[in-house]
């Protein structure tokens, strides 16, 4: 039964479904839940720093329930999205309800879409990678699959990485720099992969080309079948979802930098180059994303097996709470800057 604790990750789309059903001011229920209720629960429930035993690792690594809890997000996310888009297309909502549903849907696309796609995108099987791409589609962020796997994990905690927030950089400027630079980097990475693989621009191996066509086709289909109102809703929800992702990116490596060696290369990525959080609620609802240090230490490790490393810089709060804190830059800097190792601050300056 303990393995089913990750069912709590479906609480966000459940709240979004309730918001859709109740209408009115209840359409804002999901952002209230994500940025109010969950952070409050994180403050109430304790942390858990325990790691799995060897026997537990062996058992959980082959238990299919952990994989199916990820796969289930595809029908949940797309089911909720399709129903919401259809309802929106009828013009049955007032402007404030429309806005509330944009945030509700966007949060689901970010937490149960992009976040799960991140996990599946690191898997080795082709069908799981296809699932990752499918979950990235409604967020208009399919390039994340290329940039994250071939860019971020190579350059994390360096100034070359657009997804590593600089010391004293506010999250709002990070949204712009990270979003733009990651998209440009994805095309550059794809170009290098194309040259190394010796395939043409129009090859099926050119992910960035087909990602672009799929996303255009997705939005065009919504416009054609459901109209301009649903089209605007789809675009706005996508923006909310990838800004949620970028806020998570912001807190994951904020201010942490690797040393450049005499050879001109950077030291290898270690446990000290990502912020870790052991707050139970955040760990569960985000499929252990908060144990980010171990994820970068070994990216192929499945979420249910991630460890806590004592060497890792520890966040004072869970990721959901930290998301809220990051939106208030003076508070974020006051809490987090003193936790950044002095040698990394020196590198930043």
C-alpha atoms as a PDB file:
ATOM      1  CA  UNK A   1       0.000   0.000   0.000  1.00  0.00           C
ATOM      2  CA  UNK A   2       2.911   2.369   0.647  1.00  0.00           C
ATOM      3  CA  UNK A   3       3.780   2.110  -3.048  1.00  0.00           C
ATOM      4  CA  UNK A   4       0.412   3.678  -3.888  1.00  0.00           C
ATOM      5  CA  UNK A   5       1.246   6.906  -2.087  1.00  0.00           C
ATOM      6  CA  UNK A   6       2.053   8.467  -5.459  1.00  0.00           C
ATOM      7  CA  UNK A   7      -1.648   8.357  -6.281  1.00  0.00           C
ATOM      8  CA  UNK A   8      -1.626  11.655  -4.375  1.00  0.00           C
ATOM      9  CA  UNK A   9      -0.040  13.170  -7.503  1.00  0.00           C
ATOM     10  CA  UNK A  10      -3.474  12.832  -9.118  1.00  0.00           C
ATOM     11  CA  UNK A  11      -4.982  15.131  -6.507  1.00  0.00           C
ATOM     12  CA  UNK A  12      -4.118  18.137  -8.695  1.00  0.00           C
ATOM     13  CA  UNK A  13      -6.115  16.998 -11.766  1.00  0.00           C
ATOM     14  CA  UNK A  14      -8.874  15.856  -9.396  1.00  0.00           C
ATOM     15  CA  UNK A  15      -9.126  19.356  -7.921  1.00  0.00           C
ATOM     16  CA  UNK A  16      -9.075  20.776 -11.468  1.00  0.00           C
ATOM     17  CA  UNK A  17     -11.959  18.479 -12.422  1.00  0.00           C
ATOM     18  CA  UNK A  18     -13.919  19.648  -9.369  1.00  0.00           C
ATOM     19  CA  UNK A  19     -13.217  23.263 -10.323  1.00  0.00           C
ATOM     20  CA  UNK A  20     -14.479  22.606 -13.841  1.00  0.00           C
ATOM     21  CA  UNK A  21     -17.665  21.007 -12.516  1.00  0.00           C
ATOM     22  CA  UNK A  22     -18.501  23.609  -9.864  1.00  0.00           C
ATOM     23  CA  UNK A  23     -17.729  26.656 -12.049  1.00  0.00           C
ATOM     24  CA  UNK A  24     -17.895  30.189 -10.649  1.00  0.00           C
ATOM     25  CA  UNK A  25     -15.107  31.221  -8.310  1.00  0.00           C
ATOM     26  CA  UNK A  26     -14.343  27.541  -7.802  1.00  0.00           C
ATOM     27  CA  UNK A  27     -12.465  27.671 -11.121  1.00  0.00           C
ATOM     28  CA  UNK A  28      -9.579  29.136  -9.086  1.00  0.00           C
ATOM     29  CA  UNK A  29      -9.569  26.102  -6.809  1.00  0.00           C
ATOM     30  CA  UNK A  30      -6.527  24.484  -8.451  1.00  0.00           C
ATOM     31  CA  UNK A  31      -4.099  27.420  -8.011  1.00  0.00           C
ATOM     32  CA  UNK A  32      -5.348  27.786  -4.433  1.00  0.00           C
ATOM     33  CA  UNK A  33      -4.683  24.091  -3.874  1.00  0.00           C
ATOM     34  CA  UNK A  34      -1.273  24.078  -5.602  1.00  0.00           C
ATOM     35  CA  UNK A  35       0.087  27.310  -4.136  1.00  0.00           C
ATOM     36  CA  UNK A  36      -1.802  27.415  -0.851  1.00  0.00           C
ATOM     37  CA  UNK A  37      -2.991  24.049   0.464  1.00  0.00           C
ATOM     38  CA  UNK A  38       0.014  21.955  -0.603  1.00  0.00           C
ATOM     39  CA  UNK A  39       2.622  24.414   0.791  1.00  0.00           C
ATOM     40  CA  UNK A  40       0.641  24.538   4.041  1.00  0.00           C
ATOM     41  CA  UNK A  41       0.644  20.739   4.217  1.00  0.00           C
ATOM     42  CA  UNK A  42       4.404  20.749   3.619  1.00  0.00           C
ATOM     43  CA  UNK A  43       4.869  22.924   6.677  1.00  0.00           C
ATOM     44  CA  UNK A  44       2.725  20.568   8.761  1.00  0.00           C
ATOM     45  CA  UNK A  45       4.199  17.234   7.688  1.00  0.00           C
ATOM     46  CA  UNK A  46       7.785  16.356   8.545  1.00  0.00           C
ATOM     47  CA  UNK A  47      10.689  15.568   6.252  1.00  0.00           C
ATOM     48  CA  UNK A  48      11.907  12.050   5.537  1.00  0.00           C
ATOM     49  CA  UNK A  49      15.621  11.631   4.820  1.00  0.00           C
ATOM     50  CA  UNK A  50      15.622   7.826   4.793  1.00  0.00           C
ATOM     51  CA  UNK A  51      16.945   5.957   1.769  1.00  0.00           C
ATOM     52  CA  UNK A  52      15.851   2.556   0.535  1.00  0.00           C
ATOM     53  CA  UNK A  53      17.670  -0.589   1.581  1.00  0.00           C
ATOM     54  CA  UNK A  54      19.264  -2.791  -1.100  1.00  0.00           C
ATOM     55  CA  UNK A  55      16.367  -5.231  -0.851  1.00  0.00           C
ATOM     56  CA  UNK A  56      13.840  -2.432  -1.267  1.00  0.00           C
ATOM     57  CA  UNK A  57      15.695  -1.040  -4.270  1.00  0.00           C
ATOM     58  CA  UNK A  58      15.674  -4.457  -5.915  1.00  0.00           C
ATOM     59  CA  UNK A  59      11.953  -4.905  -5.302  1.00  0.00           C
ATOM     60  CA  UNK A  60      10.857  -1.404  -6.294  1.00  0.00           C
ATOM     61  CA  UNK A  61      13.015  -1.259  -9.411  1.00  0.00           C
ATOM     62  CA  UNK A  62      10.981  -4.046 -11.036  1.00  0.00           C
ATOM     63  CA  UNK A  63       7.561  -3.284  -9.538  1.00  0.00           C
ATOM     64  CA  UNK A  64       5.387  -2.199 -12.515  1.00  0.00           C
ATOM     65  CA  UNK A  65       2.999  -0.160 -10.357  1.00  0.00           C
ATOM     66  CA  UNK A  66       5.451   2.756 -10.321  1.00  0.00           C
ATOM     67  CA  UNK A  67       5.531   2.849 -14.119  1.00  0.00           C
ATOM     68  CA  UNK A  68       1.760   2.573 -14.496  1.00  0.00           C
ATOM     69  CA  UNK A  69       1.296   5.473 -12.087  1.00  0.00           C
ATOM     70  CA  UNK A  70       3.198   7.533 -14.671  1.00  0.00           C
ATOM     71  CA  UNK A  71       1.416   6.127 -17.717  1.00  0.00           C
ATOM     72  CA  UNK A  72      -1.996   6.858 -16.184  1.00  0.00           C
ATOM     73  CA  UNK A  73      -1.256  10.568 -16.494  1.00  0.00           C
ATOM     74  CA  UNK A  74      -1.765  10.464 -20.262  1.00  0.00           C
ATOM     75  CA  UNK A  75      -5.535   9.677 -20.190  1.00  0.00           C
ATOM     76  CA  UNK A  76      -5.990  11.861 -17.096  1.00  0.00           C
ATOM     77  CA  UNK A  77      -4.274  14.927 -18.577  1.00  0.00           C
ATOM     78  CA  UNK A  78      -5.762  14.643 -22.052  1.00  0.00           C
ATOM     79  CA  UNK A  79      -9.203  13.657 -20.765  1.00  0.00           C
ATOM     80  CA  UNK A  80      -9.366  16.738 -18.569  1.00  0.00           C
ATOM     81  CA  UNK A  81      -7.946  18.955 -21.332  1.00  0.00           C
ATOM     82  CA  UNK A  82     -10.403  17.779 -23.994  1.00  0.00           C
ATOM     83  CA  UNK A  83     -13.439  18.188 -21.731  1.00  0.00           C
ATOM     84  CA  UNK A  84     -12.290  21.650 -20.638  1.00  0.00           C
ATOM     85  CA  UNK A  85     -11.566  22.772 -24.212  1.00  0.00           C
ATOM     86  CA  UNK A  86     -15.003  21.595 -25.332  1.00  0.00           C
ATOM     87  CA  UNK A  87     -16.753  23.387 -22.476  1.00  0.00           C
ATOM     88  CA  UNK A  88     -14.772  26.570 -23.107  1.00  0.00           C
ATOM     89  CA  UNK A  89     -15.641  26.466 -26.817  1.00  0.00           C
ATOM     90  CA  UNK A  90     -19.355  26.737 -25.967  1.00  0.00           C
ATOM     91  CA  UNK A  91     -18.825  30.168 -24.419  1.00  0.00           C
ATOM     92  CA  UNK A  92     -20.523  29.078 -21.193  1.00  0.00           C
ATOM     93  CA  UNK A  93     -18.008  30.786 -18.888  1.00  0.00           C
ATOM     94  CA  UNK A  94     -17.651  34.363 -17.704  1.00  0.00           C
ATOM     95  CA  UNK A  95     -14.260  36.042 -18.175  1.00  0.00           C
ATOM     96  CA  UNK A  96     -13.130  35.406 -14.589  1.00  0.00           C
ATOM     97  CA  UNK A  97     -14.113  31.730 -14.908  1.00  0.00           C
ATOM     98  CA  UNK A  98     -12.184  31.515 -18.173  1.00  0.00           C
ATOM     99  CA  UNK A  99      -9.088  32.879 -16.424  1.00  0.00           C
ATOM    100  CA  UNK A 100      -9.514  30.527 -13.458  1.00  0.00           C
ATOM    101  CA  UNK A 101      -9.736  27.521 -15.776  1.00  0.00           C
ATOM    102  CA  UNK A 102      -6.620  28.648 -17.656  1.00  0.00           C
ATOM    103  CA  UNK A 103      -4.619  28.495 -14.430  1.00  0.00           C
ATOM    104  CA  UNK A 104      -6.260  25.225 -13.351  1.00  0.00           C
ATOM    105  CA  UNK A 105      -5.559  23.513 -16.654  1.00  0.00           C
ATOM    106  CA  UNK A 106      -2.076  25.011 -16.967  1.00  0.00           C
ATOM    107  CA  UNK A 107      -1.081  23.726 -13.533  1.00  0.00           C
ATOM    108  CA  UNK A 108      -2.234  20.209 -14.466  1.00  0.00           C
ATOM    109  CA  UNK A 109      -0.334  20.372 -17.773  1.00  0.00           C
ATOM    110  CA  UNK A 110       2.768  21.390 -15.821  1.00  0.00           C
ATOM    111  CA  UNK A 111       2.586  19.066 -12.820  1.00  0.00           C
ATOM    112  CA  UNK A 112       1.085  15.944 -14.412  1.00  0.00           C
ATOM    113  CA  UNK A 113       2.195  16.661 -17.956  1.00  0.00           C
ATOM    114  CA  UNK A 114       5.670  18.189 -18.189  1.00  0.00           C
ATOM    115  CA  UNK A 115       6.866  16.797 -14.861  1.00  0.00           C
ATOM    116  CA  UNK A 116       5.882  13.228 -15.785  1.00  0.00           C
ATOM    117  CA  UNK A 117       7.286  13.736 -19.289  1.00  0.00           C
ATOM    118  CA  UNK A 118      10.582  14.676 -17.659  1.00  0.00           C
ATOM    119  CA  UNK A 119      10.678  11.337 -15.853  1.00  0.00           C
ATOM    120  CA  UNK A 120       9.646   9.290 -18.892  1.00  0.00           C
ATOM    121  CA  UNK A 121      12.010  11.216 -21.160  1.00  0.00           C
ATOM    122  CA  UNK A 122      14.956   9.737 -19.274  1.00  0.00           C
ATOM    123  CA  UNK A 123      13.776   6.181 -19.847  1.00  0.00           C
ATOM    124  CA  UNK A 124      15.525   3.983 -22.416  1.00  0.00           C
ATOM    125  CA  UNK A 125      12.477   2.349 -24.004  1.00  0.00           C
ATOM    126  CA  UNK A 126      11.062   3.935 -27.148  1.00  0.00           C
ATOM    127  CA  UNK A 127       7.422   3.688 -26.034  1.00  0.00           C
ATOM    128  CA  UNK A 128       8.146   5.564 -22.797  1.00  0.00           C
ATOM    129  CA  UNK A 129       9.971   8.298 -24.688  1.00  0.00           C
ATOM    130  CA  UNK A 130       6.980   8.583 -27.024  1.00  0.00           C
ATOM    131  CA  UNK A 131       4.758   8.974 -23.952  1.00  0.00           C
ATOM    132  CA  UNK A 132       7.033  11.775 -22.756  1.00  0.00           C
ATOM    133  CA  UNK A 133       6.647  13.594 -26.064  1.00  0.00           C
ATOM    134  CA  UNK A 134       2.866  13.167 -25.993  1.00  0.00           C
ATOM    135  CA  UNK A 135       2.676  14.721 -22.523  1.00  0.00           C
ATOM    136  CA  UNK A 136       4.782  17.688 -23.655  1.00  0.00           C
ATOM    137  CA  UNK A 137       2.538  18.392 -26.652  1.00  0.00           C
ATOM    138  CA  UNK A 138      -0.280  20.415 -24.997  1.00  0.00           C
ATOM    139  CA  UNK A 139       2.301  22.595 -23.224  1.00  0.00           C
ATOM    140  CA  UNK A 140       3.925  23.525 -26.547  1.00  0.00           C
ATOM    141  CA  UNK A 141       7.210  22.500 -24.951  1.00  0.00           C
ATOM    142  CA  UNK A 142       8.259  19.441 -26.901  1.00  0.00           C
ATOM    143  CA  UNK A 143      11.727  20.926 -27.455  1.00  0.00           C
ATOM    144  CA  UNK A 144      12.276  20.282 -23.727  1.00  0.00           C
ATOM    145  CA  UNK A 145      12.854  16.609 -24.634  1.00  0.00           C
ATOM    146  CA  UNK A 146      15.895  17.553 -26.737  1.00  0.00           C
ATOM    147  CA  UNK A 147      17.328  20.412 -24.683  1.00  0.00           C
ATOM    148  CA  UNK A 148      16.897  18.776 -21.287  1.00  0.00           C
ATOM    149  CA  UNK A 149      18.388  15.398 -22.159  1.00  0.00           C
ATOM    150  CA  UNK A 150      21.215  16.587 -24.414  1.00  0.00           C
ATOM    151  CA  UNK A 151      21.796  20.087 -23.044  1.00  0.00           C
ATOM    152  CA  UNK A 152      20.759  20.629 -19.449  1.00  0.00           C
ATOM    153  CA  UNK A 153      22.214  17.398 -18.072  1.00  0.00           C
ATOM    154  CA  UNK A 154      25.498  18.192 -19.754  1.00  0.00           C
ATOM    155  CA  UNK A 155      25.720  21.869 -18.753  1.00  0.00           C
ATOM    156  CA  UNK A 156      23.743  21.998 -15.467  1.00  0.00           C
ATOM    157  CA  UNK A 157      25.194  24.331 -12.829  1.00  0.00           C
ATOM    158  CA  UNK A 158      27.240  26.285 -15.373  1.00  0.00           C
ATOM    159  CA  UNK A 159      26.751  29.681 -16.986  1.00  0.00           C
ATOM    160  CA  UNK A 160      26.248  27.905 -20.311  1.00  0.00           C
ATOM    161  CA  UNK A 161      23.043  26.280 -19.052  1.00  0.00           C
ATOM    162  CA  UNK A 162      19.924  28.410 -19.612  1.00  0.00           C
ATOM    163  CA  UNK A 163      18.019  26.344 -17.014  1.00  0.00           C
ATOM    164  CA  UNK A 164      20.457  27.231 -14.211  1.00  0.00           C
ATOM    165  CA  UNK A 165      19.384  30.471 -12.505  1.00  0.00           C
ATOM    166  CA  UNK A 166      22.161  32.941 -11.741  1.00  0.00           C
ATOM    167  CA  UNK A 167      22.897  34.288  -8.269  1.00  0.00           C
ATOM    168  CA  UNK A 168      20.522  37.209  -7.555  1.00  0.00           C
ATOM    169  CA  UNK A 169      18.562  36.631 -10.763  1.00  0.00           C
ATOM    170  CA  UNK A 170      14.826  37.170 -10.219  1.00  0.00           C
ATOM    171  CA  UNK A 171      12.506  34.449 -11.410  1.00  0.00           C
ATOM    172  CA  UNK A 172      10.661  36.782 -13.787  1.00  0.00           C
ATOM    173  CA  UNK A 173      13.778  37.535 -15.846  1.00  0.00           C
ATOM    174  CA  UNK A 174      14.676  33.842 -15.659  1.00  0.00           C
ATOM    175  CA  UNK A 175      11.372  32.988 -17.329  1.00  0.00           C
ATOM    176  CA  UNK A 176      12.475  34.955 -20.379  1.00  0.00           C
ATOM    177  CA  UNK A 177      16.145  33.976 -20.540  1.00  0.00           C
ATOM    178  CA  UNK A 178      15.535  30.301 -19.863  1.00  0.00           C
ATOM    179  CA  UNK A 179      12.580  29.927 -22.223  1.00  0.00           C
ATOM    180  CA  UNK A 180      14.234  31.676 -25.159  1.00  0.00           C
ATOM    181  CA  UNK A 181      17.704  30.198 -24.719  1.00  0.00           C
ATOM    182  CA  UNK A 182      16.414  26.655 -24.218  1.00  0.00           C
ATOM    183  CA  UNK A 183      14.424  26.804 -27.445  1.00  0.00           C
ATOM    184  CA  UNK A 184      17.411  28.147 -29.407  1.00  0.00           C
ATOM    185  CA  UNK A 185      19.692  25.565 -27.785  1.00  0.00           C
ATOM    186  CA  UNK A 186      17.303  22.760 -28.722  1.00  0.00           C
ATOM    187  CA  UNK A 187      17.634  23.648 -32.423  1.00  0.00           C
ATOM    188  CA  UNK A 188      21.440  23.858 -32.092  1.00  0.00           C
ATOM    189  CA  UNK A 189      21.577  20.483 -30.346  1.00  0.00           C
ATOM    190  CA  UNK A 190      19.320  18.958 -32.997  1.00  0.00           C
ATOM    191  CA  UNK A 191      21.559  20.362 -35.729  1.00  0.00           C
ATOM    192  CA  UNK A 192      24.607  18.738 -34.102  1.00  0.00           C
ATOM    193  CA  UNK A 193      22.757  15.451 -33.696  1.00  0.00           C
ATOM    194  CA  UNK A 194      21.744  15.622 -37.363  1.00  0.00           C
ATOM    195  CA  UNK A 195      25.329  16.159 -38.480  1.00  0.00           C
ATOM    196  CA  UNK A 196      26.634  13.340 -36.291  1.00  0.00           C
ATOM    197  CA  UNK A 197      23.859  11.021 -37.409  1.00  0.00           C
ATOM    198  CA  UNK A 198      24.186  12.094 -41.036  1.00  0.00           C
ATOM    199  CA  UNK A 199      20.438  12.377 -41.676  1.00  0.00           C
ATOM    200  CA  UNK A 200      18.537  15.018 -43.615  1.00  0.00           C
ATOM    201  CA  UNK A 201      16.576  17.932 -42.203  1.00  0.00           C
ATOM    202  CA  UNK A 202      13.314  16.238 -43.244  1.00  0.00           C
ATOM    203  CA  UNK A 203      14.212  12.913 -41.662  1.00  0.00           C
ATOM    204  CA  UNK A 204      11.924  11.376 -39.054  1.00  0.00           C
ATOM    205  CA  UNK A 205      14.943  11.535 -36.744  1.00  0.00           C
ATOM    206  CA  UNK A 206      14.784  15.343 -36.785  1.00  0.00           C
ATOM    207  CA  UNK A 207      12.771  15.711 -33.597  1.00  0.00           C
ATOM    208  CA  UNK A 208      12.651  19.505 -33.656  1.00  0.00           C
ATOM    209  CA  UNK A 209      11.072  19.605 -37.112  1.00  0.00           C
ATOM    210  CA  UNK A 210       8.338  17.147 -36.214  1.00  0.00           C
ATOM    211  CA  UNK A 211       7.799  18.692 -32.792  1.00  0.00           C
ATOM    212  CA  UNK A 212       7.137  22.013 -34.523  1.00  0.00           C
ATOM    213  CA  UNK A 213       4.719  20.489 -37.032  1.00  0.00           C
ATOM    214  CA  UNK A 214       2.899  18.483 -34.344  1.00  0.00           C
ATOM    215  CA  UNK A 215       2.412  21.531 -32.129  1.00  0.00           C
ATOM    216  CA  UNK A 216       1.180  23.660 -35.032  1.00  0.00           C
ATOM    217  CA  UNK A 217      -1.154  20.834 -36.030  1.00  0.00           C
ATOM    218  CA  UNK A 218      -2.407  20.480 -32.465  1.00  0.00           C
ATOM    219  CA  UNK A 219      -3.320  24.174 -32.172  1.00  0.00           C
ATOM    220  CA  UNK A 220      -4.716  24.281 -35.709  1.00  0.00           C
ATOM    221  CA  UNK A 221      -6.997  21.322 -34.920  1.00  0.00           C
ATOM    222  CA  UNK A 222      -8.300  23.035 -31.813  1.00  0.00           C
ATOM    223  CA  UNK A 223      -8.991  26.224 -33.796  1.00  0.00           C
ATOM    224  CA  UNK A 224     -10.690  24.323 -36.634  1.00  0.00           C
ATOM    225  CA  UNK A 225     -12.886  22.037 -34.530  1.00  0.00           C
ATOM    226  CA  UNK A 226     -13.502  24.130 -31.396  1.00  0.00           C
ATOM    227  CA  UNK A 227     -13.023  27.747 -32.488  1.00  0.00           C
ATOM    228  CA  UNK A 228     -10.967  30.772 -31.517  1.00  0.00           C
ATOM    229  CA  UNK A 229     -11.984  30.806 -27.838  1.00  0.00           C
ATOM    230  CA  UNK A 230     -10.694  27.254 -27.282  1.00  0.00           C
ATOM    231  CA  UNK A 231      -7.578  28.147 -29.290  1.00  0.00           C
ATOM    232  CA  UNK A 232      -6.806  31.115 -27.015  1.00  0.00           C
ATOM    233  CA  UNK A 233      -7.470  28.929 -23.979  1.00  0.00           C
ATOM    234  CA  UNK A 234      -5.077  26.233 -25.226  1.00  0.00           C
ATOM    235  CA  UNK A 235      -2.291  28.762 -25.836  1.00  0.00           C
ATOM    236  CA  UNK A 236      -2.776  30.497 -22.468  1.00  0.00           C
ATOM    237  CA  UNK A 237      -2.861  27.179 -20.572  1.00  0.00           C
ATOM    238  CA  UNK A 238       0.344  26.110 -22.304  1.00  0.00           C
ATOM    239  CA  UNK A 239       2.060  29.327 -21.215  1.00  0.00           C
ATOM    240  CA  UNK A 240       0.993  28.775 -17.593  1.00  0.00           C
ATOM    241  CA  UNK A 241       2.286  25.197 -17.729  1.00  0.00           C
ATOM    242  CA  UNK A 242       5.744  25.962 -19.067  1.00  0.00           C
ATOM    243  CA  UNK A 243       6.159  28.956 -16.757  1.00  0.00           C
ATOM    244  CA  UNK A 244       5.431  26.566 -13.899  1.00  0.00           C
ATOM    245  CA  UNK A 245       8.183  24.317 -15.253  1.00  0.00           C
ATOM    246  CA  UNK A 246      10.580  27.244 -15.550  1.00  0.00           C
ATOM    247  CA  UNK A 247       9.867  28.269 -11.959  1.00  0.00           C
ATOM    248  CA  UNK A 248      10.809  24.740 -10.907  1.00  0.00           C
ATOM    249  CA  UNK A 249      13.940  24.990 -13.044  1.00  0.00           C
ATOM    250  CA  UNK A 250      14.698  28.248 -11.251  1.00  0.00           C
ATOM    251  CA  UNK A 251      14.681  26.715  -7.776  1.00  0.00           C
ATOM    252  CA  UNK A 252      16.441  23.469  -8.736  1.00  0.00           C
ATOM    253  CA  UNK A 253      19.888  24.960  -9.385  1.00  0.00           C
ATOM    254  CA  UNK A 254      19.615  28.567  -8.229  1.00  0.00           C
ATOM    255  CA  UNK A 255      23.073  30.016  -7.543  1.00  0.00           C
ATOM    256  CA  UNK A 256      24.858  26.649  -7.732  1.00  0.00           C
ATOM    257  CA  UNK A 257      27.835  26.546 -10.100  1.00  0.00           C
ATOM    258  CA  UNK A 258      30.525  24.049 -11.010  1.00  0.00           C
ATOM    259  CA  UNK A 259      34.202  24.968 -11.001  1.00  0.00           C
ATOM    260  CA  UNK A 260      36.037  25.315 -14.295  1.00  0.00           C
ATOM    261  CA  UNK A 261      39.224  23.246 -14.232  1.00  0.00           C
ATOM    262  CA  UNK A 262      42.639  24.208 -15.598  1.00  0.00           C
ATOM    263  CA  UNK A 263      41.857  22.151 -18.696  1.00  0.00           C
ATOM    264  CA  UNK A 264      38.970  24.486 -19.474  1.00  0.00           C
ATOM    265  CA  UNK A 265      36.413  21.782 -18.727  1.00  0.00           C
ATOM    266  CA  UNK A 266      33.988  21.889 -15.817  1.00  0.00           C
ATOM    267  CA  UNK A 267      34.185  19.526 -12.883  1.00  0.00           C
ATOM    268  CA  UNK A 268      31.690  16.709 -13.199  1.00  0.00           C
ATOM    269  CA  UNK A 269      28.159  17.147 -11.896  1.00  0.00           C
ATOM    270  CA  UNK A 270      27.965  16.084  -8.269  1.00  0.00           C
ATOM    271  CA  UNK A 271      25.391  15.956  -5.491  1.00  0.00           C
ATOM    272  CA  UNK A 272      26.267  19.517  -4.495  1.00  0.00           C
ATOM    273  CA  UNK A 273      25.054  21.053  -7.761  1.00  0.00           C
ATOM    274  CA  UNK A 274      21.289  20.720  -7.246  1.00  0.00           C
ATOM    275  CA  UNK A 275      18.963  21.735  -4.424  1.00  0.00           C
ATOM    276  CA  UNK A 276      17.493  18.767  -2.585  1.00  0.00           C
ATOM    277  CA  UNK A 277      14.290  18.623  -0.551  1.00  0.00           C
ATOM    278  CA  UNK A 278      13.059  15.772   1.623  1.00  0.00           C
ATOM    279  CA  UNK A 279       9.672  17.307   2.452  1.00  0.00           C
ATOM    280  CA  UNK A 280       7.262  14.412   2.107  1.00  0.00           C
ATOM    281  CA  UNK A 281       4.299  16.143   0.445  1.00  0.00           C
ATOM    282  CA  UNK A 282       6.361  17.751  -2.302  1.00  0.00           C
ATOM    283  CA  UNK A 283       8.183  14.485  -2.938  1.00  0.00           C
ATOM    284  CA  UNK A 284       4.947  12.594  -3.457  1.00  0.00           C
ATOM    285  CA  UNK A 285       2.957  15.044  -5.595  1.00  0.00           C
ATOM    286  CA  UNK A 286       5.978  15.687  -7.851  1.00  0.00           C
ATOM    287  CA  UNK A 287       7.104  12.044  -8.200  1.00  0.00           C
ATOM    288  CA  UNK A 288      10.307  12.613  -6.185  1.00  0.00           C
ATOM    289  CA  UNK A 289      11.478  15.460  -8.417  1.00  0.00           C
ATOM    290  CA  UNK A 290      12.580  17.190  -5.218  1.00  0.00           C
ATOM    291  CA  UNK A 291      15.396  14.672  -4.778  1.00  0.00           C
ATOM    292  CA  UNK A 292      16.947  16.444  -7.700  1.00  0.00           C
ATOM    293  CA  UNK A 293      20.551  16.064  -6.595  1.00  0.00           C
ATOM    294  CA  UNK A 294      20.437  12.298  -6.991  1.00  0.00           C
ATOM    295  CA  UNK A 295      18.580  12.653 -10.291  1.00  0.00           C
ATOM    296  CA  UNK A 296      21.495  14.634 -11.741  1.00  0.00           C
ATOM    297  CA  UNK A 297      23.977  12.278 -10.133  1.00  0.00           C
ATOM    298  CA  UNK A 298      22.408   9.419 -12.103  1.00  0.00           C
ATOM    299  CA  UNK A 299      19.738  10.582 -14.559  1.00  0.00           C
ATOM    300  CA  UNK A 300      18.613   7.079 -15.535  1.00  0.00           C
ATOM    301  CA  UNK A 301      17.545   6.265 -11.955  1.00  0.00           C
ATOM    302  CA  UNK A 302      13.781   5.837 -11.624  1.00  0.00           C
ATOM    303  CA  UNK A 303      11.929   8.277  -9.412  1.00  0.00           C
ATOM    304  CA  UNK A 304      10.959   5.723  -6.742  1.00  0.00           C
ATOM    305  CA  UNK A 305      14.633   4.842  -6.173  1.00  0.00           C
ATOM    306  CA  UNK A 306      16.126   8.318  -5.723  1.00  0.00           C
ATOM    307  CA  UNK A 307      18.262   8.869  -2.631  1.00  0.00           C
ATOM    308  CA  UNK A 308      18.976  11.752  -0.315  1.00  0.00           C
ATOM    309  CA  UNK A 309      22.660  12.755  -0.205  1.00  0.00           C
ATOM    310  CA  UNK A 310      23.902  14.505   2.915  1.00  0.00           C
ATOM    311  CA  UNK A 311      26.360  16.521   0.819  1.00  0.00           C
ATOM    312  CA  UNK A 312      23.560  18.061  -1.228  1.00  0.00           C
ATOM    313  CA  UNK A 313      22.466  21.620  -0.453  1.00  0.00           C
ATOM    314  CA  UNK A 314      19.136  21.333   1.347  1.00  0.00           C
ATOM    315  CA  UNK A 315      16.161  23.570   0.758  1.00  0.00           C
ATOM    316  CA  UNK A 316      14.500  24.885   3.925  1.00  0.00           C
ATOM    317  CA  UNK A 317      11.101  24.109   2.403  1.00  0.00           C
ATOM    318  CA  UNK A 318       9.659  21.719  -0.125  1.00  0.00           C
ATOM    319  CA  UNK A 319       9.518  22.513  -3.828  1.00  0.00           C
ATOM    320  CA  UNK A 320       5.835  23.604  -3.822  1.00  0.00           C
ATOM    321  CA  UNK A 321       6.494  26.060  -0.983  1.00  0.00           C
ATOM    322  CA  UNK A 322       9.703  27.220  -2.648  1.00  0.00           C
ATOM    323  CA  UNK A 323       7.775  27.934  -5.861  1.00  0.00           C
ATOM    324  CA  UNK A 324       5.633  30.431  -3.982  1.00  0.00           C
ATOM    325  CA  UNK A 325       8.671  31.919  -2.254  1.00  0.00           C
ATOM    326  CA  UNK A 326      10.488  32.356  -5.583  1.00  0.00           C
ATOM    327  CA  UNK A 327       7.654  34.570  -6.830  1.00  0.00           C
ATOM    328  CA  UNK A 328       8.589  37.062  -4.081  1.00  0.00           C
ATOM    329  CA  UNK A 329      12.253  37.850  -4.998  1.00  0.00           C
ATOM    330  CA  UNK A 330      13.258  39.771  -1.825  1.00  0.00           C
ATOM    331  CA  UNK A 331      12.022  36.894   0.336  1.00  0.00           C
ATOM    332  CA  UNK A 332      13.680  34.312  -1.912  1.00  0.00           C
ATOM    333  CA  UNK A 333      17.054  36.069  -1.818  1.00  0.00           C
ATOM    334  CA  UNK A 334      16.867  36.556   1.951  1.00  0.00           C
ATOM    335  CA  UNK A 335      16.207  32.862   2.578  1.00  0.00           C
ATOM    336  CA  UNK A 336      18.319  31.237  -0.139  1.00  0.00           C
ATOM    337  CA  UNK A 337      21.387  33.417  -0.749  1.00  0.00           C
ATOM    338  CA  UNK A 338      22.950  32.621   2.619  1.00  0.00           C
ATOM    339  CA  UNK A 339      22.620  28.913   1.857  1.00  0.00           C
ATOM    340  CA  UNK A 340      24.684  29.037  -1.325  1.00  0.00           C
ATOM    341  CA  UNK A 341      28.292  27.873  -0.725  1.00  0.00           C
ATOM    342  CA  UNK A 342      30.700  30.841  -0.643  1.00  0.00           C
ATOM    343  CA  UNK A 343      32.934  29.368  -3.343  1.00  0.00           C
ATOM    344  CA  UNK A 344      29.967  29.199  -5.723  1.00  0.00           C
ATOM    345  CA  UNK A 345      29.026  32.804  -4.976  1.00  0.00           C
ATOM    346  CA  UNK A 346      32.619  33.733  -5.815  1.00  0.00           C
ATOM    347  CA  UNK A 347      32.332  31.936  -9.177  1.00  0.00           C
ATOM    348  CA  UNK A 348      29.109  33.807  -9.916  1.00  0.00           C
ATOM    349  CA  UNK A 349      30.775  37.147  -9.281  1.00  0.00           C
END
